[in-house]
Amino acid sequence: MTKPQLAAADLAALFDAFNRHDIEGVMAYFASDCVFNTVGGAEAWGTRIEGAEAIAAAFSAVWGTMKNARWAHHGHFVHGDRAVSEWTFSGTNPDGTRVEAEGCDLFTLRDGKIVRKQAFRKNRPLIGA
């Protein structure tokens, strides 16, 4: 039996978990075989991270580097097995420089879980310390 798809309220709760840096809360929304295409990397898709364990490690690494990482002003919609989240990301690097940029995630859903997260973020210069 298939589970109902995620709703916009579920994606809002996911981003609330991101903002709490709550890895268990975040990963509750991801399938074990999920794929995450990051905002940057050498390939056209960025860097591809596969599997829930590797994705959890990647999210945790961002929080470890940027102690104040936050996705503000997030909004979400779901249509069938596809979903979109828009947000403004901010965070401070260890050297004191800051990132603040709008972005979005395109999600593919299956059985009430995220199976693909495709992240996009504006490319703008760092804000000085």
N, C-alpha and C. Protein backbone atom coordinates (compact mmCIF):
# COMPACT_ATOMS: atom_id res chain seq x y z
N MET A 1 0.83 -1.17 0.00
CA MET A 1 0.00 0.00 0.00
C MET A 1 0.89 1.26 0.00
N THR A 2 0.57 2.20 -0.86
CA THR A 2 1.36 3.42 -0.93
C THR A 2 0.89 4.42 0.14
N LYS A 3 1.83 5.20 0.62
CA LYS A 3 1.53 6.24 1.61
C LYS A 3 1.10 7.50 0.88
N PRO A 4 0.31 8.36 1.53
CA PRO A 4 -0.06 9.62 0.88
C PRO A 4 1.18 10.49 0.68
N GLN A 5 1.14 11.29 -0.39
CA GLN A 5 2.26 12.18 -0.66
C GLN A 5 2.39 13.22 0.43
N LEU A 6 3.56 13.80 0.51
CA LEU A 6 3.78 14.92 1.42
C LEU A 6 2.94 16.11 0.96
N ALA A 7 2.58 16.96 1.91
CA ALA A 7 1.83 18.18 1.63
C ALA A 7 2.73 19.38 1.92
N ALA A 8 2.29 20.56 1.53
CA ALA A 8 3.06 21.78 1.78
C ALA A 8 3.36 21.94 3.27
N ALA A 9 2.44 21.57 4.14
CA ALA A 9 2.67 21.67 5.58
C ALA A 9 3.80 20.75 6.03
N ASP A 10 3.94 19.59 5.38
CA ASP A 10 5.05 18.69 5.70
C ASP A 10 6.38 19.32 5.31
N LEU A 11 6.44 19.97 4.16
CA LEU A 11 7.67 20.63 3.74
C LEU A 11 8.01 21.80 4.65
N ALA A 12 7.00 22.51 5.14
CA ALA A 12 7.25 23.58 6.12
C ALA A 12 7.86 22.98 7.39
N ALA A 13 7.34 21.85 7.83
CA ALA A 13 7.89 21.18 9.02
C ALA A 13 9.32 20.69 8.75
N LEU A 14 9.60 20.23 7.53
CA LEU A 14 10.95 19.82 7.16
C LEU A 14 11.91 21.00 7.31
N PHE A 15 11.53 22.16 6.79
CA PHE A 15 12.42 23.32 6.87
C PHE A 15 12.54 23.85 8.30
N ASP A 16 11.51 23.69 9.09
CA ASP A 16 11.63 24.01 10.52
C ASP A 16 12.68 23.11 11.17
N ALA A 17 12.70 21.84 10.78
CA ALA A 17 13.71 20.90 11.30
C ALA A 17 15.11 21.30 10.81
N PHE A 18 15.23 21.70 9.54
CA PHE A 18 16.52 22.22 9.05
C PHE A 18 16.99 23.37 9.92
N ASN A 19 16.09 24.28 10.26
CA ASN A 19 16.47 25.46 11.04
C ASN A 19 16.80 25.13 12.49
N ARG A 20 16.29 24.03 13.01
CA ARG A 20 16.67 23.56 14.35
C ARG A 20 17.95 22.75 14.33
N HIS A 21 18.45 22.46 13.11
CA HIS A 21 19.61 21.58 12.91
C HIS A 21 19.32 20.20 13.51
N ASP A 22 18.12 19.72 13.26
CA ASP A 22 17.60 18.47 13.80
C ASP A 22 17.69 17.39 12.72
N ILE A 23 18.80 16.66 12.68
CA ILE A 23 19.03 15.71 11.60
C ILE A 23 17.99 14.59 11.58
N GLU A 24 17.56 14.11 12.75
CA GLU A 24 16.53 13.07 12.76
C GLU A 24 15.22 13.60 12.20
N GLY A 25 14.86 14.83 12.59
CA GLY A 25 13.64 15.44 12.08
C GLY A 25 13.68 15.65 10.58
N VAL A 26 14.85 16.07 10.06
CA VAL A 26 15.01 16.27 8.62
C VAL A 26 14.91 14.94 7.89
N MET A 27 15.68 13.97 8.33
CA MET A 27 15.77 12.71 7.59
C MET A 27 14.49 11.88 7.65
N ALA A 28 13.59 12.20 8.57
CA ALA A 28 12.30 11.50 8.61
C ALA A 28 11.51 11.70 7.31
N TYR A 29 11.85 12.73 6.55
CA TYR A 29 11.14 13.04 5.31
C TYR A 29 11.80 12.43 4.07
N PHE A 30 12.98 11.84 4.23
CA PHE A 30 13.73 11.32 3.09
C PHE A 30 13.67 9.80 3.02
N ALA A 31 13.52 9.28 1.81
CA ALA A 31 13.55 7.83 1.58
C ALA A 31 14.99 7.34 1.75
N SER A 32 15.14 6.07 2.05
CA SER A 32 16.48 5.51 2.24
C SER A 32 17.31 5.56 0.96
N ASP A 33 16.67 5.54 -0.20
CA ASP A 33 17.38 5.56 -1.48
C ASP A 33 17.35 6.94 -2.14
N CYS A 34 17.24 7.98 -1.34
CA CYS A 34 17.14 9.33 -1.89
C CYS A 34 18.44 9.80 -2.53
N VAL A 35 18.30 10.81 -3.39
CA VAL A 35 19.42 11.44 -4.08
C VAL A 35 19.32 12.94 -3.85
N PHE A 36 20.45 13.57 -3.53
CA PHE A 36 20.51 15.02 -3.30
C PHE A 36 21.54 15.60 -4.25
N ASN A 37 21.10 16.51 -5.12
CA ASN A 37 21.99 17.25 -6.00
C ASN A 37 22.20 18.62 -5.38
N THR A 38 23.42 18.89 -4.94
CA THR A 38 23.73 20.10 -4.18
C THR A 38 23.78 21.33 -5.08
N VAL A 39 23.92 22.51 -4.45
CA VAL A 39 23.95 23.76 -5.21
C VAL A 39 25.25 23.97 -5.97
N GLY A 40 26.31 23.27 -5.61
CA GLY A 40 27.59 23.48 -6.30
C GLY A 40 28.32 22.19 -6.52
N GLY A 41 29.25 22.25 -7.44
CA GLY A 41 30.07 21.10 -7.72
C GLY A 41 30.57 21.15 -9.15
N ALA A 42 31.43 20.21 -9.50
CA ALA A 42 32.08 20.20 -10.80
C ALA A 42 31.16 19.74 -11.93
N GLU A 43 30.09 19.06 -11.60
CA GLU A 43 29.19 18.52 -12.63
C GLU A 43 28.03 19.48 -12.89
N ALA A 44 27.33 19.27 -14.00
CA ALA A 44 26.19 20.12 -14.36
C ALA A 44 25.12 20.12 -13.26
N TRP A 45 25.00 19.00 -12.54
CA TRP A 45 23.99 18.88 -11.48
C TRP A 45 24.52 19.30 -10.12
N GLY A 46 25.74 19.77 -10.03
CA GLY A 46 26.37 20.09 -8.74
C GLY A 46 27.15 18.89 -8.27
N THR A 47 26.98 18.54 -7.03
CA THR A 47 27.54 17.31 -6.47
C THR A 47 26.38 16.40 -6.12
N ARG A 48 26.44 15.16 -6.53
CA ARG A 48 25.35 14.20 -6.27
C ARG A 48 25.71 13.38 -5.04
N ILE A 49 24.81 13.39 -4.08
CA ILE A 49 24.97 12.60 -2.85
C ILE A 49 23.84 11.58 -2.84
N GLU A 50 24.18 10.32 -2.64
CA GLU A 50 23.19 9.25 -2.73
C GLU A 50 23.06 8.49 -1.42
N GLY A 51 21.81 8.25 -1.04
CA GLY A 51 21.51 7.46 0.15
C GLY A 51 21.32 8.33 1.38
N ALA A 52 20.41 7.92 2.24
CA ALA A 52 20.03 8.71 3.41
C ALA A 52 21.21 8.97 4.34
N GLU A 53 22.08 7.98 4.55
CA GLU A 53 23.20 8.16 5.47
C GLU A 53 24.17 9.23 4.97
N ALA A 54 24.50 9.19 3.68
CA ALA A 54 25.41 10.17 3.10
C ALA A 54 24.78 11.56 3.08
N ILE A 55 23.50 11.63 2.81
CA ILE A 55 22.81 12.92 2.80
C ILE A 55 22.76 13.51 4.21
N ALA A 56 22.48 12.69 5.20
CA ALA A 56 22.47 13.17 6.59
C ALA A 56 23.84 13.72 6.97
N ALA A 57 24.90 13.06 6.55
CA ALA A 57 26.26 13.54 6.84
C ALA A 57 26.52 14.88 6.16
N ALA A 58 26.04 15.05 4.94
CA ALA A 58 26.23 16.32 4.22
C ALA A 58 25.49 17.46 4.91
N PHE A 59 24.24 17.22 5.30
CA PHE A 59 23.48 18.27 6.00
C PHE A 59 24.16 18.62 7.32
N SER A 60 24.58 17.61 8.06
CA SER A 60 25.25 17.83 9.35
C SER A 60 26.55 18.61 9.17
N ALA A 61 27.26 18.36 8.08
CA ALA A 61 28.51 19.08 7.81
C ALA A 61 28.25 20.57 7.59
N VAL A 62 27.16 20.91 6.91
CA VAL A 62 26.82 22.33 6.72
C VAL A 62 26.59 22.97 8.07
N TRP A 63 25.83 22.31 8.94
CA TRP A 63 25.54 22.87 10.27
C TRP A 63 26.81 22.95 11.11
N GLY A 64 27.74 22.03 10.91
CA GLY A 64 28.99 22.06 11.65
C GLY A 64 29.87 23.22 11.22
N THR A 65 29.84 23.54 9.94
CA THR A 65 30.64 24.64 9.41
C THR A 65 29.97 25.98 9.64
N MET A 66 28.68 26.05 9.39
CA MET A 66 27.90 27.29 9.54
C MET A 66 26.94 27.10 10.70
N LYS A 67 27.39 27.44 11.88
CA LYS A 67 26.62 27.18 13.11
C LYS A 67 25.26 27.87 13.10
N ASN A 68 25.11 28.95 12.31
CA ASN A 68 23.85 29.68 12.27
C ASN A 68 23.12 29.50 10.93
N ALA A 69 23.40 28.42 10.20
CA ALA A 69 22.73 28.17 8.92
C ALA A 69 21.22 28.19 9.12
N ARG A 70 20.55 28.91 8.20
CA ARG A 70 19.10 29.07 8.34
C ARG A 70 18.47 29.25 6.97
N TRP A 71 17.28 28.68 6.82
CA TRP A 71 16.47 28.82 5.62
C TRP A 71 15.22 29.60 6.02
N ALA A 72 15.22 30.90 5.74
CA ALA A 72 14.13 31.78 6.18
C ALA A 72 13.13 31.99 5.04
N HIS A 73 12.01 32.55 5.39
CA HIS A 73 10.97 32.93 4.42
C HIS A 73 10.62 31.77 3.49
N HIS A 74 10.56 30.57 4.04
CA HIS A 74 10.32 29.42 3.16
C HIS A 74 8.83 29.27 2.85
N GLY A 75 8.56 28.95 1.58
CA GLY A 75 7.22 28.68 1.08
C GLY A 75 7.26 27.42 0.23
N HIS A 76 6.12 26.70 0.13
CA HIS A 76 6.13 25.36 -0.45
C HIS A 76 4.84 25.09 -1.22
N PHE A 77 4.97 24.29 -2.28
CA PHE A 77 3.77 23.73 -2.90
C PHE A 77 4.07 22.35 -3.44
N VAL A 78 3.03 21.53 -3.49
CA VAL A 78 3.13 20.15 -3.94
C VAL A 78 2.10 19.94 -5.03
N HIS A 79 2.52 19.25 -6.09
CA HIS A 79 1.61 18.88 -7.17
C HIS A 79 1.95 17.45 -7.57
N GLY A 80 1.10 16.52 -7.17
CA GLY A 80 1.34 15.11 -7.48
C GLY A 80 2.62 14.63 -6.80
N ASP A 81 3.54 14.10 -7.60
CA ASP A 81 4.79 13.58 -7.05
C ASP A 81 5.94 14.58 -7.15
N ARG A 82 5.61 15.84 -7.38
CA ARG A 82 6.63 16.89 -7.47
C ARG A 82 6.31 17.99 -6.46
N ALA A 83 7.34 18.64 -5.96
CA ALA A 83 7.15 19.72 -4.99
C ALA A 83 8.26 20.75 -5.17
N VAL A 84 7.97 21.97 -4.72
CA VAL A 84 8.93 23.07 -4.77
C VAL A 84 8.92 23.78 -3.43
N SER A 85 10.11 24.11 -2.96
CA SER A 85 10.27 24.96 -1.78
C SER A 85 11.15 26.15 -2.19
N GLU A 86 10.73 27.36 -1.81
CA GLU A 86 11.53 28.57 -2.02
C GLU A 86 11.94 29.08 -0.66
N TRP A 87 13.14 29.67 -0.56
CA TRP A 87 13.67 30.09 0.72
C TRP A 87 14.78 31.11 0.53
N THR A 88 15.19 31.72 1.62
CA THR A 88 16.38 32.55 1.66
C THR A 88 17.34 31.89 2.64
N PHE A 89 18.50 31.48 2.12
CA PHE A 89 19.51 30.83 2.95
C PHE A 89 20.46 31.89 3.50
N SER A 90 20.83 31.74 4.76
CA SER A 90 21.88 32.58 5.34
C SER A 90 22.72 31.73 6.28
N GLY A 91 23.98 32.12 6.39
CA GLY A 91 24.89 31.42 7.27
C GLY A 91 26.24 32.11 7.29
N THR A 92 26.98 31.89 8.36
CA THR A 92 28.28 32.51 8.53
C THR A 92 29.38 31.45 8.48
N ASN A 93 30.38 31.69 7.62
CA ASN A 93 31.54 30.81 7.50
C ASN A 93 32.46 31.00 8.70
N PRO A 94 33.34 30.04 8.96
CA PRO A 94 34.27 30.16 10.09
C PRO A 94 35.13 31.43 10.05
N ASP A 95 35.41 31.96 8.85
CA ASP A 95 36.22 33.18 8.74
C ASP A 95 35.41 34.46 8.94
N GLY A 96 34.12 34.31 9.23
CA GLY A 96 33.26 35.47 9.49
C GLY A 96 32.52 35.98 8.27
N THR A 97 32.87 35.53 7.06
CA THR A 97 32.11 35.95 5.88
C THR A 97 30.74 35.29 5.91
N ARG A 98 29.78 35.97 5.29
CA ARG A 98 28.40 35.49 5.34
C ARG A 98 27.86 35.19 3.96
N VAL A 99 26.96 34.25 3.91
CA VAL A 99 26.17 33.93 2.72
C VAL A 99 24.75 34.35 3.01
N GLU A 100 24.13 35.02 2.05
CA GLU A 100 22.69 35.29 2.11
C GLU A 100 22.20 35.32 0.68
N ALA A 101 21.36 34.36 0.32
CA ALA A 101 20.90 34.24 -1.06
C ALA A 101 19.58 33.49 -1.12
N GLU A 102 18.76 33.90 -2.07
CA GLU A 102 17.51 33.18 -2.32
C GLU A 102 17.81 31.88 -3.05
N GLY A 103 16.96 30.90 -2.84
CA GLY A 103 17.12 29.63 -3.51
C GLY A 103 15.83 28.84 -3.52
N CYS A 104 15.91 27.65 -4.08
CA CYS A 104 14.75 26.77 -4.11
C CYS A 104 15.21 25.32 -4.18
N ASP A 105 14.32 24.44 -3.82
CA ASP A 105 14.53 23.01 -3.97
C ASP A 105 13.40 22.47 -4.84
N LEU A 106 13.77 21.60 -5.76
CA LEU A 106 12.79 20.84 -6.53
C LEU A 106 12.84 19.42 -5.98
N PHE A 107 11.70 18.91 -5.59
CA PHE A 107 11.64 17.58 -4.98
C PHE A 107 10.86 16.61 -5.86
N THR A 108 11.28 15.36 -5.85
CA THR A 108 10.50 14.26 -6.38
C THR A 108 10.09 13.42 -5.19
N LEU A 109 8.81 13.06 -5.14
CA LEU A 109 8.24 12.35 -3.99
C LEU A 109 7.79 10.95 -4.39
N ARG A 110 7.84 10.05 -3.42
CA ARG A 110 7.34 8.69 -3.61
C ARG A 110 6.90 8.15 -2.25
N ASP A 111 5.69 7.68 -2.17
CA ASP A 111 5.19 7.02 -0.96
C ASP A 111 5.40 7.86 0.31
N GLY A 112 5.14 9.15 0.20
CA GLY A 112 5.22 10.02 1.38
C GLY A 112 6.62 10.41 1.78
N LYS A 113 7.61 10.20 0.92
CA LYS A 113 9.01 10.53 1.22
C LYS A 113 9.63 11.28 0.04
N ILE A 114 10.71 11.99 0.33
CA ILE A 114 11.49 12.66 -0.71
C ILE A 114 12.49 11.65 -1.27
N VAL A 115 12.48 11.48 -2.59
CA VAL A 115 13.44 10.57 -3.23
C VAL A 115 14.49 11.34 -4.03
N ARG A 116 14.22 12.62 -4.29
CA ARG A 116 15.21 13.46 -4.98
C ARG A 116 15.04 14.89 -4.52
N LYS A 117 16.16 15.50 -4.14
CA LYS A 117 16.21 16.91 -3.75
C LYS A 117 17.21 17.58 -4.67
N GLN A 118 16.74 18.50 -5.46
CA GLN A 118 17.58 19.23 -6.40
C GLN A 118 17.64 20.67 -5.89
N ALA A 119 18.79 21.13 -5.39
CA ALA A 119 18.92 22.44 -4.76
C ALA A 119 19.51 23.46 -5.72
N PHE A 120 18.96 24.69 -5.67
CA PHE A 120 19.45 25.81 -6.47
C PHE A 120 19.54 27.03 -5.56
N ARG A 121 20.61 27.82 -5.72
CA ARG A 121 20.76 29.03 -4.92
C ARG A 121 21.44 30.09 -5.77
N LYS A 122 21.02 31.35 -5.58
CA LYS A 122 21.66 32.46 -6.26
C LYS A 122 23.15 32.46 -5.96
N ASN A 123 23.94 32.76 -6.95
CA ASN A 123 25.39 32.84 -6.79
C ASN A 123 25.75 34.30 -6.63
N ARG A 124 26.03 34.70 -5.39
CA ARG A 124 26.40 36.09 -5.15
C ARG A 124 27.64 36.14 -4.28
N PRO A 125 28.36 37.25 -4.31
CA PRO A 125 29.58 37.34 -3.50
C PRO A 125 29.29 37.21 -2.01
N LEU A 126 30.28 36.70 -1.28
CA LEU A 126 30.17 36.62 0.18
C LEU A 126 30.08 38.02 0.75
N ILE A 127 29.39 38.14 1.87
CA ILE A 127 29.29 39.39 2.60
C ILE A 127 30.44 39.41 3.58
N GLY A 128 31.19 40.51 3.61
CA GLY A 128 32.38 40.61 4.46
C GLY A 128 32.09 40.42 5.93
N ALA A 129 33.13 40.03 6.65
CA ALA A 129 33.00 39.79 8.09
C ALA A 129 32.76 41.08 8.85
